[in-house]
């Protein structure tokens, strides 16, 4: 087994709290996850999510 494999699990509740703090408006964890994964768009959240490293490559 390769010991270099790592799994990153994002706490979307914590991510939503941080994004909401930065944006100054409350957002749900589900909404943040959907924007980060490209299922929804939000021009205000996109740069925040990119800065936090929460977007998939080429999304948001």
N, C-alpha and C. Protein backbone atom coordinates (compact mmCIF):
# COMPACT_ATOMS: atom_id res chain seq x y z
N UNK A 1 0.84 -1.18 0.00
CA UNK A 1 0.00 0.00 0.00
C UNK A 1 0.88 1.24 0.00
N UNK A 2 0.50 2.22 -0.78
CA UNK A 2 1.27 3.45 -0.91
C UNK A 2 0.99 4.36 0.29
N UNK A 3 2.01 4.67 1.04
CA UNK A 3 1.86 5.53 2.21
C UNK A 3 1.74 7.00 1.86
N UNK A 4 1.93 7.35 0.60
CA UNK A 4 1.86 8.74 0.18
C UNK A 4 0.45 9.18 -0.20
N UNK A 5 -0.49 8.27 -0.20
CA UNK A 5 -1.86 8.65 -0.54
C UNK A 5 -2.51 9.36 0.63
N UNK A 6 -3.13 10.48 0.35
CA UNK A 6 -3.83 11.21 1.40
C UNK A 6 -5.25 11.52 0.94
N UNK A 7 -6.13 11.62 1.87
CA UNK A 7 -7.52 11.96 1.59
C UNK A 7 -7.84 13.24 2.34
N UNK A 8 -8.38 14.19 1.64
CA UNK A 8 -8.78 15.43 2.27
C UNK A 8 -10.29 15.47 2.31
N UNK A 9 -10.83 15.57 3.49
CA UNK A 9 -12.27 15.68 3.64
C UNK A 9 -12.58 17.09 4.13
N UNK A 10 -13.40 17.78 3.38
CA UNK A 10 -13.74 19.16 3.70
C UNK A 10 -14.95 19.19 4.61
N UNK A 11 -14.86 19.96 5.68
CA UNK A 11 -16.02 20.20 6.53
C UNK A 11 -16.75 21.40 5.92
N UNK A 12 -17.83 21.11 5.23
CA UNK A 12 -18.56 22.18 4.55
C UNK A 12 -19.23 23.12 5.53
N UNK A 13 -19.54 22.65 6.74
CA UNK A 13 -20.12 23.52 7.77
C UNK A 13 -19.09 24.56 8.19
N UNK A 14 -17.86 24.11 8.41
CA UNK A 14 -16.79 25.05 8.78
C UNK A 14 -16.45 25.98 7.62
N UNK A 15 -16.46 25.43 6.41
CA UNK A 15 -16.19 26.26 5.23
C UNK A 15 -17.27 27.33 5.07
N UNK A 16 -18.52 26.95 5.30
CA UNK A 16 -19.62 27.91 5.18
C UNK A 16 -19.49 29.01 6.23
N UNK A 17 -19.07 28.65 7.43
CA UNK A 17 -18.89 29.64 8.50
C UNK A 17 -17.80 30.64 8.11
N UNK A 18 -16.70 30.14 7.57
CA UNK A 18 -15.59 31.01 7.18
C UNK A 18 -15.98 31.90 5.99
N UNK A 19 -16.63 31.32 4.99
CA UNK A 19 -17.06 32.08 3.82
C UNK A 19 -18.08 33.14 4.23
N UNK A 20 -19.01 32.77 5.10
CA UNK A 20 -20.03 33.71 5.57
C UNK A 20 -19.38 34.87 6.32
N UNK A 21 -18.36 34.57 7.11
CA UNK A 21 -17.65 35.61 7.86
C UNK A 21 -16.97 36.59 6.90
N UNK A 22 -16.32 36.05 5.89
CA UNK A 22 -15.61 36.89 4.92
C UNK A 22 -16.60 37.70 4.08
N UNK A 23 -17.68 37.06 3.62
CA UNK A 23 -18.65 37.71 2.74
C UNK A 23 -19.58 38.65 3.49
N UNK A 24 -19.73 38.44 4.80
CA UNK A 24 -20.62 39.30 5.58
C UNK A 24 -22.09 38.94 5.41
N UNK A 25 -22.35 37.75 4.94
CA UNK A 25 -23.73 37.29 4.70
C UNK A 25 -23.77 35.79 4.98
N UNK A 26 -24.80 35.30 5.66
CA UNK A 26 -24.83 33.87 5.97
C UNK A 26 -25.12 33.00 4.74
N UNK A 27 -24.35 31.93 4.61
CA UNK A 27 -24.54 30.95 3.55
C UNK A 27 -24.59 29.57 4.17
N UNK A 28 -25.40 28.69 3.59
CA UNK A 28 -25.50 27.32 4.10
C UNK A 28 -24.34 26.49 3.57
N UNK A 29 -24.04 25.41 4.30
CA UNK A 29 -22.97 24.51 3.89
C UNK A 29 -23.29 23.88 2.53
N UNK A 30 -24.54 23.53 2.32
CA UNK A 30 -24.92 22.91 1.05
C UNK A 30 -24.72 23.88 -0.11
N UNK A 31 -25.10 25.14 0.08
CA UNK A 31 -24.94 26.13 -0.98
C UNK A 31 -23.46 26.35 -1.30
N UNK A 32 -22.63 26.44 -0.27
CA UNK A 32 -21.19 26.62 -0.47
C UNK A 32 -20.61 25.43 -1.24
N UNK A 33 -21.01 24.23 -0.87
CA UNK A 33 -20.53 23.02 -1.55
C UNK A 33 -20.96 23.03 -3.02
N UNK A 34 -22.20 23.42 -3.29
CA UNK A 34 -22.69 23.44 -4.67
C UNK A 34 -21.96 24.48 -5.52
N UNK A 35 -21.67 25.63 -4.95
CA UNK A 35 -20.92 26.65 -5.69
C UNK A 35 -19.49 26.18 -5.92
N UNK A 36 -18.87 25.60 -4.90
CA UNK A 36 -17.49 25.13 -5.02
C UNK A 36 -17.36 24.01 -6.05
N UNK A 37 -18.38 23.18 -6.17
CA UNK A 37 -18.32 22.07 -7.12
C UNK A 37 -18.87 22.41 -8.50
N UNK A 38 -19.36 23.63 -8.69
CA UNK A 38 -19.80 24.08 -10.00
C UNK A 38 -21.26 23.82 -10.32
N UNK A 39 -22.04 23.35 -9.36
CA UNK A 39 -23.46 23.11 -9.61
C UNK A 39 -24.27 24.40 -9.60
N UNK A 40 -23.74 25.42 -8.92
CA UNK A 40 -24.36 26.75 -8.90
C UNK A 40 -23.27 27.77 -9.16
N UNK A 41 -23.69 28.98 -9.49
CA UNK A 41 -22.72 30.06 -9.69
C UNK A 41 -23.02 31.20 -8.73
N UNK A 42 -21.98 31.86 -8.28
CA UNK A 42 -22.11 33.03 -7.44
C UNK A 42 -20.82 33.83 -7.62
N UNK A 43 -20.94 34.98 -8.26
CA UNK A 43 -19.76 35.77 -8.58
C UNK A 43 -19.08 36.37 -7.35
N UNK A 44 -19.83 36.56 -6.27
CA UNK A 44 -19.23 37.08 -5.05
C UNK A 44 -18.43 35.99 -4.32
N UNK A 45 -18.95 34.77 -4.32
CA UNK A 45 -18.30 33.69 -3.59
C UNK A 45 -17.14 33.05 -4.34
N UNK A 46 -17.14 33.12 -5.64
CA UNK A 46 -16.10 32.45 -6.43
C UNK A 46 -14.69 32.85 -6.01
N UNK A 47 -14.38 34.15 -5.90
CA UNK A 47 -13.00 34.49 -5.50
C UNK A 47 -12.68 34.09 -4.06
N UNK A 48 -13.68 34.13 -3.19
CA UNK A 48 -13.46 33.72 -1.80
C UNK A 48 -13.14 32.23 -1.74
N UNK A 49 -13.91 31.43 -2.47
CA UNK A 49 -13.69 29.99 -2.48
C UNK A 49 -12.33 29.64 -3.09
N UNK A 50 -11.94 30.37 -4.13
CA UNK A 50 -10.64 30.13 -4.75
C UNK A 50 -9.51 30.46 -3.78
N UNK A 51 -9.65 31.58 -3.06
CA UNK A 51 -8.63 31.97 -2.09
C UNK A 51 -8.49 30.93 -0.97
N UNK A 52 -9.60 30.32 -0.59
CA UNK A 52 -9.57 29.31 0.46
C UNK A 52 -9.19 27.93 -0.07
N UNK A 53 -9.09 27.79 -1.40
CA UNK A 53 -8.71 26.52 -2.00
C UNK A 53 -9.81 25.49 -1.96
N UNK A 54 -11.06 25.93 -2.05
CA UNK A 54 -12.20 25.03 -1.94
C UNK A 54 -12.88 24.71 -3.25
N UNK A 55 -12.31 25.15 -4.36
CA UNK A 55 -12.97 24.88 -5.64
C UNK A 55 -12.28 23.74 -6.37
N UNK A 56 -13.07 23.06 -7.20
CA UNK A 56 -12.49 22.08 -8.10
C UNK A 56 -11.77 22.83 -9.20
N UNK A 57 -10.83 22.19 -9.84
CA UNK A 57 -10.07 22.85 -10.90
C UNK A 57 -10.99 23.33 -12.01
N UNK A 58 -10.94 24.63 -12.30
CA UNK A 58 -11.74 25.20 -13.37
C UNK A 58 -13.18 25.50 -12.98
N UNK A 59 -13.52 25.39 -11.72
CA UNK A 59 -14.89 25.63 -11.27
C UNK A 59 -14.92 26.91 -10.46
N UNK A 60 -16.08 27.56 -10.48
CA UNK A 60 -16.32 28.81 -9.75
C UNK A 60 -15.37 29.85 -10.25
